[in-house]
Amino acid sequence: MKQQSVFVVGAGVVGLSTAIRVLEAGYDVTLFAEVFPTDPKTVKYTSFWAGAICRPGLGNSLSSRLEKETLHIFAQMVKEDPNVPIATHPIFGYAEVANPEDRKHDAEMKELFPDFRVLDPNELPHGVASGVVFTVFFIDVPQYLAYLWHRFFFLGGRAFRSKLSSLSDLLSPTTGVRLGLEHVARDGNITEATSGSLTFNASALVNCTGLGALSLGDVNDAAMFPTRGETVLLRAPWITSGLQYAWKNGDITYIIPRGSGVVVLGGTFQADDWHPSPRPEMVKLMKEHGIAVCRELLPPSKRAHGGIDDLDVIEECVGLRPTRRGGVRVQTSWLDGEKKIPVVHNYGHGGGGYESSWASADLAVELLQTALKG
């Protein structure tokens, strides 16, 4: 029996994870995107710029449930494949102002992270009112994107570069010529899509376009907006634990180590801000905050008297988190063309794309299978 063909649109962490799950479910999968993991970094591709740390949100929202389920999937991945680029390290959470509400979630945190504990007062740094520590998964983002990319091709997926104006573009038999599709190989090399190389006869579409859903024709989701984030990548291979520090003015400083010896220093959360480049004043503040809470970010020879100019900076980064008012959208709609076909939407994960990726993909596949059976 011939495999049903599914087109997945978007090649960020959510799109790649979803495409992999659709392949594993037995469908023929073609991936369409403007930017792929093998391309130079661009603000158009949010997944390049993530931290990323796997700490699920608390409560019972859809996003929280997906993040909790994905946490268990990551644990299984690490157990089964020692080469997956995910590391386990402790993370310390400090707050300058104690919030009694935080302690209401301790039981839930303990369930998610068995070694979770509240720090004793004598364990807290000067100026810190409360703190916790627990072990979490840290994702080495560049390596993990490469891991997903190769896994997608290993399972038989195909990829084409194109900037779509609407999902309906993929329903026309003349689409290949009209869009000037480029075939993207596993190594990132590009070849022009030749006639007959792709038949535009999809049984279903899966929309994983993130912020693109705001302007993509026949989606035009006005609930989408960017939450801008700035980070600084540092070379500090001696850092082996993470940190989240809540300042009394509401600022957050976080430190995320990667297996490659790179450390992510962040960060900012600026809603509805599209500015694509680092702001010098914000970069300076992040560095100042970083060495104020963790002198170990500095090279050993500079820790006694060094300042922000002594940090070993690799890159200053900006990412636009694809946030959605009302939360993540994982649901089915239908497109009318020569035939009516289902579209499974899977976008709007905000800063939780990595954290919710696998469970979100699994839910999308469930919706896909239900729609195609109907």
Protein backbone atom coordinates (compact mmCIF):
# COMPACT_ATOMS: atom_id res chain seq x y z
CA MET A 1 0.00 0.00 0.00
CA LYS A 2 1.36 3.41 -0.98
CA GLN A 3 2.31 5.69 1.90
CA GLN A 4 0.19 8.77 2.42
CA SER A 5 2.16 11.96 1.83
CA VAL A 6 2.35 14.62 4.54
CA PHE A 7 3.92 18.07 4.11
CA VAL A 8 5.41 19.65 7.23
CA VAL A 9 5.98 23.41 7.06
CA GLY A 10 8.68 24.86 9.31
CA ALA A 11 12.07 23.38 10.28
CA GLY A 12 12.69 24.68 13.79
CA VAL A 13 12.87 22.33 16.74
CA VAL A 14 9.09 21.85 16.71
CA GLY A 15 8.94 21.27 12.95
CA LEU A 16 11.85 18.82 12.94
CA SER A 17 10.53 16.89 15.94
CA THR A 18 7.07 16.72 14.39
CA ALA A 19 8.42 15.62 11.00
CA ILE A 20 10.35 12.82 12.73
CA ARG A 21 7.26 11.63 14.57
CA VAL A 22 5.18 11.70 11.37
CA LEU A 23 7.86 9.61 9.63
CA GLU A 24 7.91 7.17 12.54
CA ALA A 25 4.12 6.85 12.19
CA GLY A 26 4.62 5.50 8.66
CA TYR A 27 3.91 8.49 6.43
CA ASP A 28 5.99 9.89 3.57
CA VAL A 29 7.19 13.30 4.78
CA THR A 30 8.42 16.37 2.91
CA LEU A 31 9.65 19.35 4.90
CA PHE A 32 9.28 22.91 3.60
CA ALA A 33 10.97 25.92 5.19
CA GLU A 34 12.72 29.18 4.42
CA VAL A 35 15.58 28.42 6.85
CA PHE A 36 17.14 25.11 7.92
CA PRO A 37 19.58 24.14 10.70
CA THR A 38 22.41 23.90 8.17
CA ASP A 39 22.03 27.58 7.19
CA PRO A 40 23.93 30.54 8.66
CA LYS A 41 22.31 31.87 11.82
CA THR A 42 19.47 34.33 11.32
CA VAL A 43 16.88 35.92 13.58
CA LYS A 44 14.25 34.33 11.31
CA TYR A 45 15.11 30.94 12.81
CA THR A 46 14.34 31.11 16.53
CA SER A 47 15.62 27.64 17.37
CA PHE A 48 19.22 28.75 16.76
CA TRP A 49 19.06 31.09 19.74
CA ALA A 50 17.51 28.97 22.50
CA GLY A 51 19.18 28.17 25.83
CA ALA A 52 17.91 25.47 26.25
CA ILE A 53 16.97 24.00 29.58
CA CYS A 54 14.20 21.50 30.31
CA ARG A 55 12.25 22.86 33.24
CA PRO A 56 8.50 22.35 32.68
CA GLY A 57 5.99 24.97 33.63
CA LEU A 58 3.86 24.13 36.64
CA GLY A 59 0.11 23.69 36.70
CA ASN A 60 -2.24 22.02 34.25
CA SER A 61 -2.20 24.19 31.13
CA LEU A 62 -1.67 22.49 27.77
CA SER A 63 1.85 23.92 27.56
CA SER A 64 2.71 22.62 31.02
CA ARG A 65 1.37 19.16 30.24
CA LEU A 66 3.33 18.99 27.00
CA GLU A 67 6.51 20.12 28.75
CA LYS A 68 6.11 17.52 31.50
CA GLU A 69 5.54 14.74 28.98
CA THR A 70 8.55 15.88 26.94
CA LEU A 71 10.69 15.84 30.09
CA HIS A 72 10.01 12.11 30.42
CA ILE A 73 10.80 11.57 26.72
CA PHE A 74 14.13 13.37 27.11
CA ALA A 75 14.92 11.13 30.08
CA GLN A 76 14.26 8.07 27.94
CA MET A 77 16.38 9.45 25.09
CA VAL A 78 19.33 10.06 27.41
CA LYS A 79 18.96 6.58 28.86
CA GLU A 80 18.84 4.86 25.46
CA ASP A 81 21.39 6.93 23.53
CA PRO A 82 24.50 8.21 25.32
CA ASN A 83 25.39 10.25 22.23
CA VAL A 84 22.29 12.45 22.28
CA PRO A 85 23.52 16.02 22.97
CA ILE A 86 21.64 16.45 26.24
CA ALA A 87 23.50 16.73 29.55
CA THR A 88 22.34 16.59 33.16
CA HIS A 89 23.58 19.23 35.59
CA PRO A 90 22.31 20.83 38.78
CA ILE A 91 20.68 24.22 38.54
CA PHE A 92 20.44 26.68 41.42
CA GLY A 93 17.47 29.01 41.65
CA TYR A 94 17.97 32.12 43.78
CA ALA A 95 15.60 34.98 44.59
CA GLU A 96 16.40 38.26 46.33
CA VAL A 97 12.79 38.48 47.52
CA ALA A 98 11.16 35.38 48.99
CA ASN A 99 7.78 34.51 47.48
CA PRO A 100 5.65 32.29 49.73
CA GLU A 101 3.70 31.19 46.64
CA ASP A 102 6.78 29.34 45.37
CA ARG A 103 6.65 26.86 48.23
CA LYS A 104 3.14 25.79 47.17
CA HIS A 105 4.73 24.11 44.14
CA ASP A 106 7.44 22.21 46.00
CA ALA A 107 5.56 18.89 45.90
CA GLU A 108 5.03 19.19 42.15
CA MET A 109 8.69 20.07 41.63
CA LYS A 110 9.74 17.10 43.75
CA GLU A 111 7.59 14.84 41.59
CA LEU A 112 9.24 16.15 38.42
CA PHE A 113 12.76 16.33 39.84
CA PRO A 114 13.35 13.75 42.61
CA ASP A 115 16.45 15.53 43.93
CA PHE A 116 14.67 18.90 44.22
CA ARG A 117 15.25 20.58 47.57
CA VAL A 118 14.89 23.98 49.19
CA LEU A 119 18.24 25.39 50.29
CA ASP A 120 18.86 26.09 53.96
CA PRO A 121 19.50 29.73 54.91
CA ASN A 122 23.17 28.98 55.57
CA GLU A 123 23.54 27.75 51.97
CA LEU A 124 22.32 30.99 50.40
CA PRO A 125 24.66 33.62 48.94
CA HIS A 126 24.70 37.06 50.51
CA GLY A 127 21.61 39.08 49.57
CA VAL A 128 19.54 36.03 48.58
CA ALA A 129 16.30 35.38 50.47
CA SER A 130 15.41 31.93 49.12
CA GLY A 131 16.87 29.25 46.91
CA VAL A 132 16.40 25.78 45.49
CA VAL A 133 18.55 23.25 43.65
CA PHE A 134 17.69 20.30 41.41
CA THR A 135 19.09 18.41 38.41
CA VAL A 136 17.77 19.19 34.93
CA PHE A 137 18.50 18.45 31.28
CA PHE A 138 20.59 20.99 29.38
CA ILE A 139 20.40 20.82 25.58
CA ASP A 140 23.44 21.69 23.48
CA VAL A 141 21.36 23.54 20.91
CA PRO A 142 23.61 23.49 17.79
CA GLN A 143 24.42 19.81 18.30
CA TYR A 144 20.82 18.91 19.04
CA LEU A 145 19.49 20.61 15.91
CA ALA A 146 22.06 18.66 13.89
CA TYR A 147 20.95 15.48 15.67
CA LEU A 148 17.30 16.09 14.69
CA TRP A 149 18.26 17.02 11.12
CA HIS A 150 20.22 13.81 10.56
CA ARG A 151 17.55 11.72 12.23
CA PHE A 152 14.95 13.21 9.86
CA PHE A 153 16.96 12.19 6.80
CA PHE A 154 17.84 8.79 8.24
CA LEU A 155 14.11 8.05 8.45
CA GLY A 156 13.62 8.97 4.78
CA GLY A 157 12.49 12.59 4.91
CA ARG A 158 13.01 15.14 2.14
CA ALA A 159 13.47 18.89 2.48
CA PHE A 160 12.78 21.82 0.17
CA ARG A 161 13.53 25.49 0.70
CA SER A 162 10.76 27.90 -0.14
CA LYS A 163 9.18 31.05 1.25
CA LEU A 164 5.47 30.34 1.20
CA SER A 165 2.87 33.07 1.10
CA SER A 166 0.17 30.64 2.19
CA LEU A 167 -0.30 26.97 2.98
CA SER A 168 -2.49 26.74 -0.11
CA ASP A 169 0.64 27.23 -2.22
CA LEU A 170 1.44 23.60 -1.49
CA LEU A 171 -1.81 22.32 -2.97
CA SER A 172 -1.17 23.40 -6.56
CA PRO A 173 0.40 21.01 -9.10
CA THR A 174 2.38 23.98 -10.50
CA THR A 175 3.80 24.93 -7.11
CA GLY A 176 7.29 23.52 -7.78
CA VAL A 177 7.81 25.84 -10.73
CA ARG A 178 6.04 28.85 -9.25
CA LEU A 179 7.90 28.84 -5.95
CA GLY A 180 11.33 28.08 -7.37
CA LEU A 181 11.84 25.27 -4.89
CA GLU A 182 15.37 24.27 -3.89
CA HIS A 183 16.09 20.75 -2.77
CA VAL A 184 18.08 20.74 0.49
CA ALA A 185 20.34 17.74 1.09
CA ARG A 186 21.40 16.30 4.43
CA ASP A 187 24.69 18.24 4.26
CA GLY A 188 22.86 21.48 3.52
CA ASN A 189 23.83 21.60 -0.15
CA ILE A 190 21.21 23.02 -2.50
CA THR A 191 20.01 21.80 -5.86
CA GLU A 192 17.15 23.16 -7.93
CA ALA A 193 14.06 20.99 -7.69
CA THR A 194 13.70 19.32 -11.07
CA SER A 195 10.42 18.53 -12.74
CA GLY A 196 9.02 15.33 -11.35
CA SER A 197 11.19 15.42 -8.23
CA LEU A 198 8.15 16.23 -6.12
CA THR A 199 4.50 15.45 -6.61
CA PHE A 200 2.23 17.98 -4.95
CA ASN A 201 -0.42 15.55 -3.85
CA ALA A 202 -0.31 15.77 -0.07
CA SER A 203 -2.86 13.98 2.04
CA ALA A 204 -2.32 16.46 4.88
CA LEU A 205 -0.27 19.46 5.98
CA VAL A 206 1.31 20.14 9.36
CA ASN A 207 1.91 23.80 10.19
CA CYS A 208 4.93 24.36 12.46
CA THR A 209 5.75 27.89 11.33
CA GLY A 210 6.08 29.59 14.72
CA LEU A 211 5.99 33.37 14.27
CA GLY A 212 5.36 32.77 10.58
CA ALA A 213 1.76 31.89 11.47
CA LEU A 214 1.16 35.59 12.02
CA SER A 215 1.54 36.44 8.32
CA LEU A 216 1.07 33.09 6.58
CA GLY A 217 -1.97 33.29 4.29
CA ASP A 218 -4.92 31.08 5.33
CA VAL A 219 -3.56 31.12 8.90
CA ASN A 220 -2.99 34.83 9.74
CA ASP A 221 -3.06 34.17 13.47
CA ALA A 222 -3.27 37.63 15.06
CA ALA A 223 -2.66 36.07 18.49
CA MET A 224 1.01 35.50 17.60
CA PHE A 225 3.68 37.95 18.78
CA PRO A 226 7.42 37.87 19.47
CA THR A 227 8.92 37.80 22.93
CA ARG A 228 12.39 39.12 22.26
CA GLY A 229 15.30 37.60 24.12
CA GLU A 230 18.96 38.63 24.28
CA THR A 231 21.78 36.37 25.43
CA VAL A 232 25.56 36.36 25.39
CA LEU A 233 27.53 33.22 24.54
CA LEU A 234 30.67 32.85 26.64
CA ARG A 235 33.55 30.41 26.57
CA ALA A 236 33.68 29.01 30.11
CA PRO A 237 34.08 25.21 30.05
CA TRP A 238 34.67 25.10 33.82
CA ILE A 239 31.02 26.01 34.48
CA THR A 240 29.12 22.77 35.16
CA SER A 241 25.95 23.95 36.89
CA GLY A 242 23.14 26.25 35.85
CA LEU A 243 21.78 29.29 37.63
CA GLN A 244 18.58 31.33 37.59
CA TYR A 245 18.74 34.49 39.68
CA ALA A 246 15.67 36.66 40.32
CA TRP A 247 16.62 40.24 41.16
CA LYS A 248 14.39 42.31 43.46
CA ASN A 249 13.55 44.65 40.54
CA GLY A 250 12.13 41.74 38.52
CA ASP A 251 15.12 41.16 36.24
CA ILE A 252 16.22 37.57 35.65
CA THR A 253 19.78 36.38 35.10
CA TYR A 254 20.30 32.83 33.89
CA ILE A 255 23.41 30.78 33.18
CA ILE A 256 23.16 27.64 31.03
CA PRO A 257 26.24 25.46 30.41
CA ARG A 258 26.60 23.38 27.25
CA GLY A 259 28.66 20.26 26.72
CA SER A 260 30.81 22.10 24.18
CA GLY A 261 32.22 24.41 26.87
CA VAL A 262 29.96 27.27 25.82
CA VAL A 263 27.84 29.02 28.45
CA VAL A 264 24.65 30.93 27.68
CA LEU A 265 24.25 34.10 29.76
CA GLY A 266 20.82 35.70 29.66
CA GLY A 267 18.45 37.13 29.42
CA THR A 268 15.53 39.34 28.49
CA PHE A 269 11.80 38.90 27.90
CA GLN A 270 10.45 41.78 25.79
CA ALA A 271 6.95 41.29 24.43
CA ASP A 272 6.04 42.61 20.97
CA ASP A 273 9.63 43.69 20.29
CA TRP A 274 10.91 42.81 16.80
CA HIS A 275 14.33 44.48 17.06
CA PRO A 276 16.70 41.95 15.42
CA SER A 277 20.07 43.08 16.80
CA PRO A 278 21.65 43.21 20.27
CA ARG A 279 21.20 46.46 22.18
CA PRO A 280 24.58 47.52 23.63
CA GLU A 281 23.10 48.77 26.90
CA MET A 282 21.31 45.44 27.45
CA VAL A 283 24.41 43.41 26.62
CA LYS A 284 26.39 45.46 29.16
CA LEU A 285 23.72 44.96 31.83
CA MET A 286 23.57 41.20 31.26
CA LYS A 287 27.34 40.94 31.61
CA GLU A 288 27.32 43.05 34.78
CA HIS A 289 24.54 40.95 36.26
CA GLY A 290 26.35 37.78 35.23
CA ILE A 291 29.60 38.47 37.02
CA ALA A 292 27.73 39.92 40.00
CA VAL A 293 26.02 36.59 40.67
CA CYS A 294 28.71 34.26 39.29
CA ARG A 295 32.32 35.45 39.29
CA GLU A 296 33.22 32.02 37.92
CA LEU A 297 32.09 33.21 34.47
CA LEU A 298 35.43 35.01 34.32
CA PRO A 299 38.60 33.12 33.40
CA PRO A 300 40.42 31.93 36.56
CA SER A 301 43.20 34.49 36.17
CA LYS A 302 40.69 37.37 36.05
CA ARG A 303 38.31 36.51 38.89
CA ALA A 304 39.92 38.54 41.64
CA HIS A 305 39.76 41.94 39.95
CA GLY A 306 38.33 41.37 36.45
CA GLY A 307 35.33 43.10 34.92
CA ILE A 308 32.96 42.54 32.04
CA ASP A 309 35.67 43.23 29.46
CA ASP A 310 37.50 40.15 30.73
CA LEU A 311 34.66 37.77 29.83
CA ASP A 312 35.54 35.47 26.92
CA VAL A 313 32.66 36.46 24.63
CA ILE A 314 31.86 34.30 21.62
CA GLU A 315 28.70 35.94 20.36
CA GLU A 316 25.91 38.36 21.29
CA CYS A 317 22.53 36.93 20.34
CA VAL A 318 18.91 37.88 19.75
CA GLY A 319 16.01 35.47 19.36
CA LEU A 320 12.30 36.11 18.87
CA ARG A 321 10.28 33.59 20.86
CA PRO A 322 7.06 32.66 18.96
CA THR A 323 4.53 33.48 21.66
CA ARG A 324 0.77 33.15 21.33
CA ARG A 325 -1.98 34.85 23.31
CA GLY A 326 -4.10 32.00 24.58
CA GLY A 327 -1.21 29.56 24.53
CA VAL A 328 0.16 26.97 22.15
CA ARG A 329 -2.06 25.91 19.25
CA VAL A 330 -2.21 22.19 18.49
CA GLN A 331 -5.42 21.58 16.57
CA THR A 332 -6.85 20.66 13.18
CA SER A 333 -8.40 22.83 10.48
CA TRP A 334 -9.21 22.09 6.83
CA LEU A 335 -8.08 23.58 3.53
CA ASP A 336 -10.22 23.55 0.40
CA GLY A 337 -8.39 22.93 -2.86
CA GLU A 338 -9.01 20.33 -5.52
CA LYS A 339 -9.83 18.25 -2.47
CA LYS A 340 -10.39 19.09 1.16
CA ILE A 341 -7.33 18.22 3.23
CA PRO A 342 -6.56 18.49 6.94
CA VAL A 343 -4.05 20.93 8.37
CA VAL A 344 -2.67 20.13 11.81
CA HIS A 345 -1.36 23.28 13.48
CA ASN A 346 1.50 22.99 15.97
CA TYR A 347 2.89 26.41 16.86
CA GLY A 348 2.91 29.17 19.46
CA HIS A 349 5.25 27.53 21.97
CA GLY A 350 6.91 30.78 23.07
CA GLY A 351 10.12 30.06 24.93
CA GLY A 352 9.14 26.41 25.43
CA GLY A 353 9.78 24.97 21.98
CA TYR A 354 12.49 22.54 23.04
CA GLU A 355 10.82 21.77 26.37
CA SER A 356 7.51 20.75 24.76
CA SER A 357 8.74 19.55 21.37
CA TRP A 358 8.22 15.79 21.56
CA ALA A 359 4.87 15.70 23.35
CA SER A 360 3.63 18.47 21.07
CA ALA A 361 4.74 16.40 18.06
CA ASP A 362 3.02 13.30 19.45
CA LEU A 363 -0.23 15.21 19.90
CA ALA A 364 0.04 16.56 16.36
CA VAL A 365 0.46 13.01 15.02
CA GLU A 366 -2.62 11.87 16.95
CA LEU A 367 -4.65 14.66 15.36
CA LEU A 368 -3.18 13.84 11.95
CA GLN A 369 -4.12 10.17 12.19
CA THR A 370 -7.64 11.01 13.36
CA ALA A 371 -8.16 13.48 10.50
CA LEU A 372 -6.89 11.07 7.84
CA LYS A 373 -9.06 8.25 9.13
CA GLY A 374 -12.11 10.49 8.95
